[in-house]
Protein backbone atom coordinates (compact mmCIF):
# COMPACT_ATOMS: atom_id res chain seq x y z
CA MET A 1 0.00 0.00 0.00
CA THR A 2 1.32 3.41 -0.94
CA ASP A 3 1.75 5.78 1.97
CA ILE A 4 -0.22 9.01 1.73
CA GLU A 5 2.08 11.96 2.07
CA ILE A 6 0.60 14.82 4.08
CA PRO A 7 2.17 18.11 3.07
CA SER A 8 3.73 19.95 5.98
CA ARG A 9 3.10 23.62 6.55
CA PRO A 10 6.05 26.00 6.79
CA GLY A 11 6.92 27.40 10.20
CA THR A 12 6.02 30.94 9.13
CA ALA A 13 2.47 29.81 8.27
CA ILE A 14 2.02 28.16 11.67
CA LEU A 15 3.39 31.23 13.44
CA SER A 16 1.15 33.53 11.40
CA ASP A 17 -1.90 31.43 12.24
CA ALA A 18 -1.00 31.58 15.93
CA VAL A 19 -0.59 35.36 15.83
CA GLY A 20 -3.89 35.70 13.97
CA ALA A 21 -5.74 33.58 16.52
CA LEU A 22 -4.17 35.52 19.37
CA SER A 23 -5.25 38.79 17.72
CA LEU A 24 -8.84 37.57 17.40
CA TRP A 25 -9.07 36.37 20.98
CA GLY A 26 -7.37 39.54 22.17
CA LEU A 27 -10.01 41.59 20.35
CA ILE A 28 -12.78 39.50 21.91
CA ALA A 29 -11.26 40.00 25.37
CA LEU A 30 -11.04 43.75 24.76
CA LEU A 31 -14.67 43.91 23.64
CA ALA A 32 -15.68 41.95 26.74
CA TRP A 33 -13.87 44.46 28.96
CA VAL A 34 -14.86 47.76 27.37
CA PRO A 35 -18.51 47.90 28.62
CA LEU A 36 -17.50 47.21 32.24
CA PRO A 37 -15.93 50.48 33.45
CA LEU A 38 -19.06 52.61 32.89
CA GLY A 39 -18.97 51.92 29.15
CA SER A 40 -15.33 53.10 29.17
CA ALA A 41 -16.69 56.65 29.18
CA ARG A 42 -13.95 57.85 31.50
CA PRO A 43 -10.53 59.23 30.51
CA TRP A 44 -8.53 56.39 32.10
CA ALA A 45 -10.75 53.75 30.48
CA TRP A 46 -10.50 55.47 27.09
CA GLY A 47 -6.73 55.56 27.48
CA ALA A 48 -6.60 51.86 28.35
CA LEU A 49 -8.78 51.02 25.34
CA THR A 50 -6.56 53.05 23.01
CA ALA A 51 -3.37 51.44 24.36
CA ALA A 52 -4.75 47.88 24.17
CA THR A 53 -6.08 48.48 20.65
CA GLY A 54 -2.69 49.76 19.54
CA LEU A 55 -0.98 46.64 20.86
CA LEU A 56 -3.45 44.39 19.05
CA VAL A 57 -2.95 46.32 15.81
CA LEU A 58 0.80 45.80 16.09
CA LEU A 59 0.26 42.11 16.81
CA ARG A 60 -2.05 41.65 13.83
CA ALA A 61 0.28 43.63 11.57
CA ALA A 62 3.15 41.40 12.71
CA GLY A 63 1.12 38.37 11.68
CA ASP A 64 0.54 39.89 8.24
CA PHE A 65 4.25 40.67 7.91
CA ILE A 66 5.20 37.12 8.84
CA ALA A 67 2.75 35.76 6.25
CA GLN A 68 4.02 38.25 3.64
CA ASP A 69 0.42 38.65 2.47
CA SER A 70 -1.89 41.28 3.89
CA SER A 71 -4.34 41.51 1.01
CA GLU A 72 -6.90 38.72 1.07
CA LEU A 73 -9.93 40.72 -0.04
CA PRO A 74 -10.42 43.11 -2.97
CA ALA A 75 -9.29 46.63 -2.17
CA ARG A 76 -12.59 47.99 -3.47
CA LEU A 77 -14.28 46.80 -0.30
CA THR A 78 -12.49 49.26 1.95
CA ALA A 79 -10.34 51.56 -0.20
CA PRO A 80 -13.01 54.26 -0.83
CA ALA A 81 -13.93 54.29 2.87
CA ALA A 82 -10.25 54.44 3.85
CA VAL A 83 -9.64 57.44 1.57
CA LEU A 84 -12.71 59.30 2.83
CA PHE A 85 -11.85 58.58 6.45
CA ALA A 86 -8.23 59.66 5.93
CA LEU A 87 -9.39 62.96 4.44
CA ALA A 88 -11.70 63.63 7.40
CA LEU A 89 -9.00 62.66 9.92
CA ALA A 90 -6.36 64.77 8.15
CA TRP A 91 -8.66 67.78 8.29
CA ALA A 92 -9.34 67.20 12.01
CA ILE A 93 -5.58 67.16 12.61
CA PHE A 94 -5.07 70.31 10.52
CA GLN A 95 -7.71 72.07 12.62
CA CYS A 96 -5.42 71.65 15.65
CA LEU A 97 -2.31 73.08 13.99
CA PRO A 98 -1.38 76.79 14.01
CA TRP A 99 -0.81 76.81 10.27
CA ALA A 100 -4.23 77.90 9.06
CA PRO A 101 -4.65 81.33 7.44
CA ALA A 102 -5.76 84.05 9.83
CA ALA A 103 -9.14 84.22 8.13
CA TRP A 104 -9.76 80.57 9.03
CA GLN A 105 -8.86 80.91 12.70
CA HIS A 106 -11.84 81.16 15.01
CA PRO A 107 -12.55 84.73 16.26
CA ILE A 108 -12.42 83.46 19.84
CA TRP A 109 -8.62 83.52 19.61
CA ALA A 110 -8.57 87.23 18.82
CA GLU A 111 -10.84 87.88 21.80
CA ALA A 112 -8.57 85.78 24.03
CA GLU A 113 -5.53 87.76 22.88
CA LYS A 114 -7.29 91.02 23.81
CA LEU A 115 -8.17 89.73 27.26
CA MET A 116 -4.79 88.07 27.93
CA PRO A 117 -2.14 89.84 25.84
CA GLY A 118 1.40 88.57 25.77
CA LEU A 119 0.62 84.92 26.47
CA GLY A 120 1.93 83.82 23.09
CA LEU A 121 -1.26 82.02 22.05
CA LEU A 122 -1.09 79.91 18.90
CA PRO A 123 -4.44 80.41 17.14
CA THR A 124 -5.94 77.42 15.37
CA ILE A 125 -9.17 76.55 13.64
CA SER A 126 -10.14 74.46 16.67
CA VAL A 127 -11.37 76.50 19.61
CA ASP A 128 -9.99 73.82 21.96
CA PRO A 129 -6.99 72.04 20.37
CA ASN A 130 -6.36 69.84 23.41
CA ALA A 131 -9.91 68.45 23.34
CA SER A 132 -9.66 68.02 19.57
CA ARG A 133 -6.42 66.05 19.82
CA THR A 134 -8.00 63.71 22.36
CA ALA A 135 -11.02 63.21 20.09
CA ILE A 136 -8.69 62.45 17.16
CA PHE A 137 -7.12 59.63 19.18
CA HIS A 138 -10.60 58.28 19.91
CA LEU A 139 -11.54 58.41 16.23
CA ALA A 140 -8.31 56.66 15.26
CA THR A 141 -9.00 53.98 17.90
CA ASP A 142 -12.45 53.37 16.43
CA ALA A 143 -10.92 52.92 12.98
CA ALA A 144 -8.29 50.56 14.41
CA ILE A 145 -10.98 48.37 15.97
CA PHE A 146 -12.75 48.16 12.62
CA TRP A 147 -9.48 47.21 10.91
CA LEU A 148 -8.74 44.56 13.53
CA ALA A 149 -12.16 42.96 13.11
CA PHE A 150 -11.87 43.17 9.33
CA ARG A 151 -8.46 41.48 9.29
CA CYS A 152 -9.32 38.86 11.90
CA CYS A 153 -12.65 37.88 10.32
CA GLN A 154 -11.71 37.10 6.75
CA ARG A 155 -12.51 33.46 7.41
CA ALA A 156 -16.19 32.78 8.00
CA ASP A 157 -15.55 30.71 11.12
CA ALA A 158 -13.55 33.55 12.69
CA ALA A 159 -16.28 36.07 11.80
CA ARG A 160 -18.96 33.82 13.26
CA LEU A 161 -16.89 33.37 16.42
CA LEU A 162 -16.59 37.14 16.87
CA VAL A 163 -20.32 37.71 16.30
CA LEU A 164 -21.25 34.88 18.68
CA ALA A 165 -18.83 36.26 21.27
CA LEU A 166 -20.32 39.75 21.03
CA GLY A 167 -23.82 38.36 21.42
CA THR A 168 -22.77 36.30 24.43
CA ILE A 169 -20.91 39.20 26.03
CA GLY A 170 -23.89 41.50 25.59
CA THR A 171 -26.23 38.88 27.04
CA ILE A 172 -24.04 38.42 30.12
CA TYR A 173 -24.03 42.16 30.71
CA ALA A 174 -27.81 42.18 30.23
CA VAL A 175 -28.22 39.49 32.91
CA TRP A 176 -26.09 41.61 35.23
CA ALA A 177 -28.22 44.65 34.41
CA LEU A 178 -31.47 42.83 35.12
CA GLY A 179 -30.13 41.55 38.43
CA ALA A 180 -29.12 45.06 39.48
CA TYR A 181 -32.46 46.49 38.34
CA TRP A 182 -34.64 43.90 40.07
CA SER A 183 -32.59 44.06 43.26
CA GLY A 184 -33.46 47.70 43.79
CA ASN A 185 -31.63 49.56 41.02
CA HIS A 186 -29.49 51.48 43.50
CA TYR A 187 -26.03 50.90 42.08
CA VAL A 188 -23.97 51.13 38.90
CA LEU A 189 -21.25 48.59 39.60
CA TRP A 190 -20.27 49.50 43.18
CA PHE A 191 -21.15 53.19 42.79
CA ARG A 192 -24.47 54.43 44.12
CA LYS A 193 -26.62 55.68 41.24
CA TRP A 194 -26.60 59.43 40.72
CA ALA A 195 -28.76 59.49 37.58
CA TYR A 196 -31.67 57.57 36.03
CA ALA A 197 -32.76 56.09 39.34
CA GLY A 198 -35.86 54.45 37.84
CA ASP A 199 -34.26 53.14 34.66
CA LEU A 200 -32.10 50.14 33.83
CA THR A 201 -28.62 51.25 32.81
CA GLY A 202 -26.45 48.16 33.38
CA THR A 203 -22.80 49.12 33.72
CA PHE A 204 -23.45 52.40 31.91
CA VAL A 205 -24.48 55.73 33.43
CA ASN A 206 -26.79 56.88 30.65
CA ARG A 207 -29.88 54.81 29.86
CA ASN A 208 -29.89 55.80 26.17
CA SER A 209 -26.32 54.63 25.68
CA TYR A 210 -26.99 51.32 27.39
CA ALA A 211 -30.16 50.88 25.33
CA THR A 212 -28.04 51.25 22.21
CA TYR A 213 -25.44 48.75 23.45
CA THR A 214 -27.96 46.10 24.48
CA GLY A 215 -29.90 46.84 21.28
CA LEU A 216 -26.83 45.72 19.34
CA THR A 217 -26.93 42.50 21.36
CA LEU A 218 -30.58 42.03 20.40
CA VAL A 219 -29.78 42.50 16.71
CA ILE A 220 -27.01 39.88 16.94
CA MET A 221 -29.09 37.30 18.76
CA ALA A 222 -32.17 37.92 16.60
CA GLY A 223 -30.05 37.41 13.49
CA LEU A 224 -28.61 34.14 14.76
CA LEU A 225 -32.05 32.90 15.77
CA LEU A 226 -33.57 33.92 12.44
CA GLU A 227 -30.83 32.04 10.58
CA GLU A 228 -31.43 28.95 12.70
CA VAL A 229 -35.19 29.00 12.13
CA ILE A 230 -34.92 29.55 8.38
CA ARG A 231 -32.25 26.86 8.05
CA ARG A 232 -34.34 24.28 9.88
CA MET A 233 -37.53 25.08 7.99
CA ALA A 234 -35.80 24.97 4.61
CA LEU A 235 -34.80 21.31 4.97
CA PRO A 236 -38.16 19.41 5.16
CA GLU A 237 -40.43 19.27 2.13
CA ASN A 238 -43.88 19.18 3.75
CA ALA A 239 -45.70 21.29 6.30
CA ARG A 240 -45.78 18.62 9.03
CA LEU A 241 -42.01 18.19 8.96
CA LYS A 242 -41.52 21.93 8.84
CA LEU A 243 -43.60 22.27 12.00
CA ARG A 244 -41.53 19.56 13.64
CA ALA A 245 -38.35 21.35 12.61
CA MET A 246 -39.72 24.54 14.13
CA VAL A 247 -40.41 22.75 17.41
CA GLU A 248 -36.86 21.38 17.36
CA THR A 249 -35.64 24.97 17.30
CA LEU A 250 -36.42 24.95 21.01
CA GLY A 251 -33.84 22.21 21.55
CA PRO A 252 -30.65 22.58 23.60
CA ARG A 253 -28.40 24.01 20.91
CA PRO A 254 -30.37 27.14 19.92
CA ILE A 255 -32.08 27.68 23.27
CA TRP A 256 -29.33 30.00 24.48
CA VAL A 257 -29.90 32.19 21.41
CA ILE A 258 -33.62 32.40 22.22
CA ALA A 259 -32.73 33.27 25.81
CA GLY A 260 -30.38 35.97 24.54
CA VAL A 261 -33.14 37.50 22.41
CA LEU A 262 -35.58 37.59 25.33
CA ILE A 263 -33.03 38.95 27.80
CA ALA A 264 -31.75 41.65 25.44
CA ALA A 265 -35.29 42.69 24.46
CA THR A 266 -36.26 42.99 28.13
CA THR A 267 -33.26 45.16 28.95
CA VAL A 268 -33.94 47.48 26.01
CA LEU A 269 -37.49 48.04 27.21
CA LEU A 270 -36.55 48.49 30.87
CA THR A 271 -34.14 51.29 30.01
CA HIS A 272 -37.28 53.29 29.15
CA SER A 273 -35.26 54.94 26.40
CA ARG A 274 -37.49 56.17 23.59
CA GLY A 275 -34.66 56.64 21.13
CA GLY A 276 -33.02 53.37 22.11
CA ALA A 277 -36.22 51.34 21.74
CA THR A 278 -37.12 52.97 18.43
CA ALA A 279 -33.63 52.58 16.97
CA THR A 280 -33.40 48.97 18.15
CA GLY A 281 -36.77 48.20 16.61
CA GLY A 282 -35.59 49.74 13.36
CA GLY A 283 -32.37 47.73 13.45
CA VAL A 284 -34.18 44.44 14.07
CA LEU A 285 -36.76 45.13 11.36
CA GLY A 286 -34.00 46.10 8.92
CA LEU A 287 -32.20 42.86 9.71
CA VAL A 288 -35.36 40.81 9.23
CA LEU A 289 -36.18 42.54 5.93
CA LEU A 290 -32.70 42.02 4.53
CA ALA A 291 -32.56 38.40 5.67
CA SER A 292 -35.92 37.73 4.01
CA LEU A 293 -34.59 38.99 0.67
CA VAL A 294 -31.11 37.50 0.35
CA PRO A 295 -30.92 34.44 -1.93
CA SER A 296 -28.76 32.23 0.29
CA LEU A 297 -31.28 32.11 3.12
CA ARG A 298 -33.56 30.06 0.95
CA GLY A 299 -36.84 28.53 1.99
CA ALA A 300 -40.39 28.91 0.85
CA TRP A 301 -41.44 29.96 4.32
CA ARG A 302 -38.70 32.43 5.04
CA LYS A 303 -40.88 35.50 4.42
CA TRP A 304 -43.50 34.11 6.77
CA VAL A 305 -40.79 33.51 9.35
CA ALA A 306 -39.61 37.09 8.91
CA LEU A 307 -43.18 38.36 9.30
CA ALA A 308 -43.58 36.25 12.45
CA PHE A 309 -40.40 37.80 13.86
CA ALA A 310 -41.72 41.29 13.18
CA VAL A 311 -45.09 40.52 14.80
CA VAL A 312 -43.44 38.98 17.86
CA ALA A 313 -41.14 42.00 18.23
CA LEU A 314 -44.08 44.39 17.98
CA GLY A 315 -46.10 42.31 20.44
CA ALA A 316 -43.22 42.29 22.93
CA LEU A 317 -42.98 46.05 22.70
CA VAL A 318 -46.70 46.52 23.29
CA LEU A 319 -46.93 44.03 26.17
CA SER A 320 -43.68 44.77 27.96
CA GLY A 321 -42.81 48.30 27.00
CA THR A 322 -45.77 50.21 28.41
CA GLU A 323 -43.66 52.87 30.06
CA THR A 324 -41.42 53.24 27.03
CA LEU A 325 -44.44 53.63 24.75
CA THR A 326 -45.95 56.15 27.15
CA ARG A 327 -42.76 58.19 27.01
CA LEU A 328 -42.81 57.98 23.22
CA ALA A 329 -46.37 59.26 23.14
CA ASP A 330 -45.63 62.03 25.62
CA THR A 331 -42.51 63.31 23.88
CA SER A 332 -42.28 67.08 24.02
CA TRP A 333 -39.37 68.62 22.18
CA ASP A 334 -40.14 72.00 23.70
CA VAL A 335 -39.95 70.59 27.24
CA GLU A 336 -36.66 68.80 26.67
CA GLY A 337 -35.16 71.61 24.63
CA ARG A 338 -33.68 69.31 22.00
CA HIS A 339 -35.53 70.98 19.16
CA GLU A 340 -34.06 74.33 20.18
CA ILE A 341 -30.60 72.80 20.56
CA PHE A 342 -30.91 71.41 17.03
CA GLN A 343 -31.97 74.80 15.68
CA LEU A 344 -29.13 76.64 17.39
CA THR A 345 -26.64 74.03 16.22
CA LEU A 346 -27.86 74.50 12.66
CA GLN A 347 -27.37 78.24 13.12
CA ALA A 348 -23.81 77.64 14.31
CA ILE A 349 -23.14 75.39 11.31
CA ALA A 350 -24.50 78.05 8.96
CA ASN A 351 -22.09 80.61 10.45
CA ASN A 352 -19.09 78.36 9.74
CA PRO A 353 -20.18 75.69 7.27
CA VAL A 354 -16.84 74.66 5.73
CA ILE A 355 -14.04 75.18 8.25
CA GLY A 356 -15.67 73.85 11.42
CA THR A 357 -14.64 74.53 15.01
CA GLY A 358 -12.59 71.41 15.80
CA LEU A 359 -13.50 67.95 17.05
CA ALA A 360 -14.98 67.82 20.58
CA THR A 361 -15.54 71.58 20.71
CA PHE A 362 -19.33 71.63 20.79
CA LYS A 363 -19.44 72.37 24.51
CA SER A 364 -16.99 75.24 24.00
CA ILE A 365 -18.79 76.88 21.09
CA PHE A 366 -22.44 76.31 21.98
CA PRO A 367 -22.56 78.81 24.92
CA THR A 368 -22.22 81.64 22.40
CA TYR A 369 -25.53 80.53 20.88
CA ARG A 370 -27.35 79.33 24.01
CA THR A 371 -30.61 81.05 24.93
CA GLU A 372 -31.73 81.74 28.49
CA ASP A 373 -34.39 79.02 28.51
CA LEU A 374 -31.76 76.28 28.03
CA PRO A 375 -29.61 74.81 30.83
CA LEU A 376 -26.35 76.55 31.61
CA LEU A 377 -24.36 73.54 30.41
CA VAL A 378 -25.26 72.00 27.07
CA ASP A 379 -22.25 69.87 26.21
CA LEU A 380 -23.75 67.66 23.49
CA ALA A 381 -25.98 68.30 20.48
CA HIS A 382 -27.86 65.00 20.98
CA ASN A 383 -27.44 64.51 17.24
CA ASP A 384 -24.09 63.15 16.09
CA TYR A 385 -24.62 64.30 12.50
CA LEU A 386 -25.17 67.95 13.45
CA GLU A 387 -22.39 67.86 16.03
CA ASN A 388 -19.88 66.49 13.53
CA MET A 389 -20.89 69.02 10.88
CA LEU A 390 -20.37 71.85 13.36
CA GLU A 391 -17.01 70.56 14.56
CA LEU A 392 -15.47 69.24 11.33
CA GLY A 393 -17.28 71.45 8.86
CA ILE A 394 -19.78 70.06 6.39
CA PRO A 395 -17.30 68.70 3.75
CA ALA A 396 -15.16 66.74 6.22
CA ALA A 397 -18.20 65.51 8.15
CA VAL A 398 -19.85 64.31 4.94
CA ALA A 399 -16.62 62.48 4.04
CA LEU A 400 -16.74 60.74 7.42
CA PHE A 401 -20.41 59.81 6.99
CA LEU A 402 -19.81 58.50 3.46
CA ALA A 403 -16.91 56.36 4.68
CA VAL A 404 -19.22 54.53 7.08
CA LEU A 405 -22.04 54.44 4.53
CA TRP A 406 -19.77 52.79 1.97
CA LEU A 407 -18.92 50.02 4.43
CA VAL A 408 -22.59 49.48 5.26
CA PHE A 409 -23.36 49.35 1.54
CA GLN A 410 -20.74 46.63 1.15
CA CYS A 411 -22.45 44.64 3.90
CA VAL A 412 -25.81 44.88 2.12
CA LEU A 413 -24.24 43.82 -1.18
CA GLY A 414 -22.36 41.07 0.61
CA ALA A 415 -25.56 39.64 2.03
CA PHE A 416 -26.76 39.10 -1.56
CA ARG A 417 -23.38 37.83 -2.79
CA ARG A 418 -22.77 35.24 -0.09
CA HIS A 419 -23.82 31.64 -0.59
CA ARG A 420 -23.11 30.80 3.05
CA ASP A 421 -22.94 32.81 6.28
CA ALA A 422 -24.94 35.65 4.73
CA ILE A 423 -26.41 36.35 8.16
CA ILE A 424 -23.13 37.98 9.23
CA PRO A 425 -23.33 40.95 6.82
CA CYS A 426 -27.09 41.04 7.51
CA ILE A 427 -26.41 41.50 11.23
CA ALA A 428 -23.83 44.20 10.49
CA ALA A 429 -26.33 46.04 8.29
CA GLY A 430 -29.05 45.81 10.96
CA ALA A 431 -26.63 47.10 13.59
CA SER A 432 -25.69 49.97 11.26
CA LEU A 433 -29.34 50.95 10.88
CA LEU A 434 -29.73 50.92 14.65
CA ILE A 435 -26.71 53.19 15.12
CA GLY A 436 -27.78 55.45 12.26
CA LEU A 437 -31.21 56.01 13.77
CA GLN A 438 -29.94 56.46 17.33
CA SER A 439 -27.38 59.02 16.18
CA LEU A 440 -30.25 61.26 15.05
CA VAL A 441 -31.39 61.82 18.63
CA ASP A 442 -28.43 61.06 20.88
CA PHE A 443 -24.69 60.59 21.25
CA SER A 444 -24.23 56.86 21.87
CA MET A 445 -21.42 56.56 19.31
CA GLN A 446 -19.38 58.83 21.59
CA ILE A 447 -19.47 56.07 24.23
CA PRO A 448 -16.45 53.81 23.59
CA ALA A 449 -18.26 50.55 24.44
CA VAL A 450 -20.97 51.27 21.87
CA ALA A 451 -18.54 52.45 19.18
CA ALA A 452 -16.16 49.52 19.67
CA THR A 453 -18.94 46.91 19.57
CA PHE A 454 -20.55 48.39 16.48
CA LEU A 455 -17.31 48.81 14.54
CA ALA A 456 -16.25 45.25 15.36
CA LEU A 457 -19.57 44.03 13.96
CA LEU A 458 -19.14 46.23 10.89
CA GLY A 459 -15.62 44.92 10.35
CA ALA A 460 -16.83 41.33 10.51
CA GLY A 461 -19.68 42.13 8.11
CA VAL A 462 -17.42 43.78 5.53
CA ALA A 463 -14.88 40.95 5.82
CA GLN A 464 -17.66 38.52 4.84
CA ALA A 465 -18.99 40.68 2.02
CA THR A 466 -17.62 38.53 -0.81
CA PRO A 467 -18.14 34.84 -1.58
CA THR A 468 -15.32 32.54 -0.51
CA ARG A 469 -14.82 31.37 -4.10
CA ARG A 470 -13.76 34.89 -5.13
CA ARG A 471 -10.88 34.94 -2.70
CA ALA A 472 -8.49 33.30 -5.09
CA GLY A 473 -4.90 33.12 -4.14
CA ARG A 474 -5.36 33.79 -0.45
CA SER A 475 -2.68 32.24 1.65
CA SER A 476 -3.56 29.96 4.51
CA ALA A 477 -0.74 31.57 6.42
CA THR A 478 -2.81 34.72 6.91
CA ARG A 479 -5.91 33.01 8.17
CA ALA A 480 -6.86 34.02 11.67
């Protein structure tokens, strides 16, 4: 008998695989940590996130260098987004430098020079260069997390592992949040609550931000459950067997996904966040709609399954979200002042539409527009689009928006291209819709835990936006 010769892999390929796996698990560990310290919305937590992300980027880059192949997917997937993002980031950096023409420098510098002559001020476009530089680091960290997820998830099994991990992490935090809420809702971690005493906030301070985070968990778990149901119902050929397959969905393997859906949905509703509940509902419905249209999730009953998901989601909102619905019905923009904040922000944008005032300078510039009926401190626009247009200027802000939109578009296209694992880009697209809607009425993307989780999902979705058969020539040495 002739011996079968098994080809051996070179040492560099084995080392590259090990580095890739370590990068993926390091990213998962980082994403598990980032919601814990109050959503990482504290300077020390942001700094730790930035440092850890930088180390993981170096590790992943080292793996690519060892493999001598860092291009597994077509450049068209990310190149336009990378160029747009680089332009926006370069402009944000330029805003902090004292090189701009005098006509571009904000008038506040001239006023400061009159009040404090001889201090040797270096005028810039940004009204607060220190705050802008910090925000630039945060923006670069967000991009690095996307790149890490994109590089680590070019194999479908790695992408599925990351998505499953994010869903599991979010569910564990949701269980913690429910325990804290039902035990009296007095504490955030070991700190006594100082805000939102009647609302579930988990490890976050702000209920709207936590609603967005746990909403992402709901989108993930709903997508995994939808895939499981459609897959099981597509196999049998008659109605009786389909019903049996549906019943088997309640078996041991998918039961934790069902539990995750129920737990995440409950936490979203108990936050009593109007924007969070509405955005989450939009994200789930967008996911269901996309999943019902993509060719690879075949099955004669898939549209009925999607409709059932939508009805169940609506029913859960009606039955369990009474207080949230009441707050939606009782919304008064005039009482909360957001409508006026939006109007004044638009006025500020109109006064400086191209140059901007520098990243993270909203709280510095808004007092010059604030009216007496608004609180003394308005540090956020409660609309990320308006805030970015004010700070970056409209051209740079639009470039930033289009960069993200291009990646989301690739996820939608990828859902139709994929023959397997199409649910991953579907989940990324649903999460993107959630974030896009929430950003209209709040600032959740400025919370590191929310931004990191979303961008990791988006990176996994874009990485799985082309069929495996099109990835000709990819080296196994670069597989994570």
